[in-house]
Amino acid sequence: MRRAVHLWLLRVFRVLPRRLRLGVVHALSPSFTVGAICVIERADGAVLLVRHSYRHRWGLPGGLLERGEDVDAGARREAVEEVGLEVDLEGEPAVVVDPDARRVDVVFRARPVEGADLDAVRPRSPEVLEVKWFDAAALPELQHETAGALVALARATARPVARPASAS
């Protein structure tokens, strides 16, 4: 009986106008925020981390996408807004889905654009208290999301970024 009702509902759904189908999907599906994160590496392999004003541990430059914004454009924008650094994105991103927080993070490996002044990298947003380059083998305590992003990116690219010391 349950299967028959399910099939009947699918047939009804199929004939609904497109806008109504989208409305049904949006009403019944969980909503998630989508963010873009940059793992910015210097030529010597050092990783740029930020300490946010609202967190205790170190994190990565990034943030939520603006409505209608492409994720790669959002990643570049966040790097400029938070640390004043233009970046080139490398390869395909990794995706981290956190169903409990209802958040999706798209994690990019990035490098400073050619000719960038790495000495000028500093906090450019009230969200960021401190910016620092860390040797990839000696990272400080990381935000839980940052550790997860590094692991996901390493798995997706089969190339480790860094070894997080601890995450919580």
Protein backbone atom coordinates (compact mmCIF):
# COMPACT_ATOMS: atom_id res chain seq x y z
CA MET A 1 0.00 0.00 0.00
CA ARG A 2 2.75 2.46 0.98
CA ARG A 3 4.58 1.83 -2.32
CA ALA A 4 1.40 2.45 -4.28
CA VAL A 5 0.80 5.79 -2.54
CA HIS A 6 4.42 6.77 -3.15
CA LEU A 7 4.14 5.98 -6.88
CA TRP A 8 0.86 7.90 -7.12
CA LEU A 9 2.45 10.96 -5.46
CA LEU A 10 5.37 10.80 -7.89
CA ARG A 11 2.96 10.74 -10.86
CA VAL A 12 1.12 13.78 -9.48
CA PHE A 13 4.43 15.55 -8.84
CA ARG A 14 5.55 14.91 -12.43
CA VAL A 15 2.57 16.79 -13.91
CA LEU A 16 2.83 19.81 -11.64
CA PRO A 17 4.13 23.03 -13.20
CA ARG A 18 7.89 23.47 -12.77
CA ARG A 19 7.57 26.35 -10.28
CA LEU A 20 5.23 24.35 -8.10
CA ARG A 21 7.55 21.30 -8.22
CA LEU A 22 10.46 23.52 -7.10
CA GLY A 23 8.32 24.95 -4.31
CA VAL A 24 7.46 21.47 -3.08
CA VAL A 25 11.12 20.41 -3.15
CA HIS A 26 12.22 23.53 -1.27
CA ALA A 27 9.46 23.13 1.31
CA LEU A 28 10.26 19.47 1.99
CA SER A 29 14.06 19.55 1.73
CA PRO A 30 16.37 20.70 4.49
CA SER A 31 18.10 24.01 3.85
CA PHE A 32 21.87 24.34 4.12
CA THR A 33 24.24 27.27 4.12
CA VAL A 34 27.03 27.10 1.54
CA GLY A 35 30.49 28.46 2.20
CA ALA A 36 33.76 28.68 0.30
CA ILE A 37 37.09 28.08 2.01
CA CYS A 38 40.63 28.66 0.73
CA VAL A 39 43.62 26.60 1.80
CA ILE A 40 46.25 29.14 0.71
CA GLU A 41 49.77 27.78 0.34
CA ARG A 42 52.97 29.69 -0.32
CA ALA A 43 55.63 28.32 -2.67
CA ASP A 44 57.53 26.94 0.36
CA GLY A 45 54.43 24.97 1.46
CA ALA A 46 53.46 27.22 4.39
CA VAL A 47 49.69 27.51 4.96
CA LEU A 48 47.90 30.77 5.75
CA LEU A 49 45.64 30.57 8.80
CA VAL A 50 43.40 33.15 10.43
CA ARG A 51 42.18 33.56 13.99
CA HIS A 52 38.58 34.71 13.94
CA SER A 53 37.16 37.09 16.53
CA TYR A 54 34.37 34.65 17.35
CA ARG A 55 36.49 31.44 17.62
CA HIS A 56 39.35 30.29 19.85
CA ARG A 57 41.34 28.15 17.43
CA TRP A 58 42.89 28.86 14.03
CA GLY A 59 40.90 28.58 10.81
CA LEU A 60 41.06 29.19 7.09
CA PRO A 61 39.99 32.25 5.11
CA GLY A 62 36.46 31.75 3.86
CA GLY A 63 32.82 32.42 4.44
CA LEU A 64 29.29 32.15 3.17
CA LEU A 65 28.46 32.70 -0.47
CA GLU A 66 26.37 35.67 -1.45
CA ARG A 67 23.05 35.00 -3.17
CA GLY A 68 23.70 33.98 -6.79
CA GLU A 69 27.49 33.98 -6.37
CA ASP A 70 29.61 31.28 -8.03
CA VAL A 71 31.54 29.30 -5.44
CA ASP A 72 34.95 30.00 -7.00
CA ALA A 73 34.22 33.73 -7.08
CA GLY A 74 33.11 33.52 -3.43
CA ALA A 75 36.37 31.81 -2.43
CA ARG A 76 38.45 34.51 -4.13
CA ARG A 77 36.29 37.29 -2.64
CA GLU A 78 36.60 35.91 0.89
CA ALA A 79 40.42 35.73 0.63
CA VAL A 80 40.57 39.39 -0.41
CA GLU A 81 38.00 40.52 2.19
CA GLU A 82 39.56 38.67 5.13
CA VAL A 83 43.32 38.91 4.47
CA GLY A 84 43.77 41.23 1.48
CA LEU A 85 45.28 38.52 -0.71
CA GLU A 86 44.30 37.74 -4.29
CA VAL A 87 44.58 34.03 -5.02
CA ASP A 88 44.55 31.59 -7.90
CA LEU A 89 42.47 28.50 -7.24
CA GLU A 90 44.10 25.18 -8.13
CA GLY A 91 42.37 22.00 -9.24
CA GLU A 92 38.98 20.76 -8.24
CA PRO A 93 37.61 21.61 -4.81
CA ALA A 94 36.61 19.19 -2.07
CA VAL A 95 33.16 19.34 -0.55
CA VAL A 96 32.41 18.89 3.14
CA VAL A 97 28.81 18.38 4.21
CA ASP A 98 27.94 18.80 7.89
CA PRO A 99 24.33 17.64 8.26
CA ASP A 100 24.16 18.56 11.96
CA ALA A 101 25.14 22.19 11.31
CA ARG A 102 23.27 22.11 7.95
CA ARG A 103 26.35 23.50 6.25
CA VAL A 104 28.16 22.69 3.00
CA ASP A 105 31.73 23.94 2.60
CA VAL A 106 33.51 23.94 -0.74
CA VAL A 107 37.24 23.78 -0.04
CA PHE A 108 39.75 25.09 -2.58
CA ARG A 109 43.52 24.71 -2.71
CA ALA A 110 44.86 28.18 -3.57
CA ARG A 111 48.12 30.02 -4.18
CA PRO A 112 48.80 33.76 -3.95
CA VAL A 113 48.65 35.37 -7.40
CA GLU A 114 52.01 35.92 -9.02
CA GLY A 115 53.67 39.06 -7.68
CA ALA A 116 51.48 39.23 -4.56
CA ASP A 117 53.05 41.05 -1.61
CA LEU A 118 52.97 38.33 1.05
CA ASP A 119 54.29 40.75 3.68
CA ALA A 120 51.13 42.84 3.23
CA VAL A 121 48.84 39.98 4.28
CA ARG A 122 47.00 41.11 7.40
CA PRO A 123 43.49 41.11 8.86
CA ARG A 124 41.16 43.15 6.65
CA SER A 125 37.87 42.29 8.32
CA PRO A 126 36.50 42.73 11.84
CA GLU A 127 36.00 38.94 11.80
CA VAL A 128 39.76 38.31 11.67
CA LEU A 129 42.03 39.14 14.62
CA GLU A 130 45.27 37.59 13.39
CA VAL A 131 46.78 36.17 10.19
CA LYS A 132 49.84 33.96 10.15
CA TRP A 133 51.74 31.59 7.84
CA PHE A 134 52.40 28.17 9.42
CA ASP A 135 54.70 25.38 8.34
CA ALA A 136 52.39 22.62 7.09
CA ALA A 137 54.07 20.10 9.40
CA ALA A 138 53.58 22.25 12.51
CA LEU A 139 50.06 23.61 12.55
CA PRO A 140 48.50 25.08 15.72
CA GLU A 141 45.23 23.90 17.23
CA LEU A 142 42.61 24.15 14.49
CA GLN A 143 38.90 24.75 14.39
CA HIS A 144 36.97 21.51 13.86
CA GLU A 145 35.77 22.69 10.43
CA THR A 146 39.31 23.60 9.36
CA ALA A 147 40.71 20.18 10.28
CA GLY A 148 37.85 18.55 8.35
CA ALA A 149 38.47 20.79 5.34
CA LEU A 150 42.18 19.88 5.26
CA VAL A 151 41.40 16.16 5.45
CA ALA A 152 38.73 16.41 2.73
CA LEU A 153 41.03 18.35 0.42
CA ALA A 154 43.87 15.87 0.95
CA ARG A 155 41.54 12.95 0.18
CA ALA A 156 40.05 14.63 -2.89
CA THR A 157 43.40 15.56 -4.38
CA ALA A 158 45.48 12.62 -3.07
CA ARG A 159 47.96 15.30 -1.95
CA PRO A 160 48.16 16.23 1.72
CA VAL A 161 48.01 19.89 2.62
CA ALA A 162 49.11 19.60 6.21
CA ARG A 163 48.86 17.45 9.29
CA PRO A 164 46.52 19.02 11.83
CA ALA A 165 47.92 18.76 15.36
CA SER A 166 44.46 18.58 16.90
CA ALA A 167 40.97 19.71 16.19
CA SER A 168 38.05 20.59 18.38
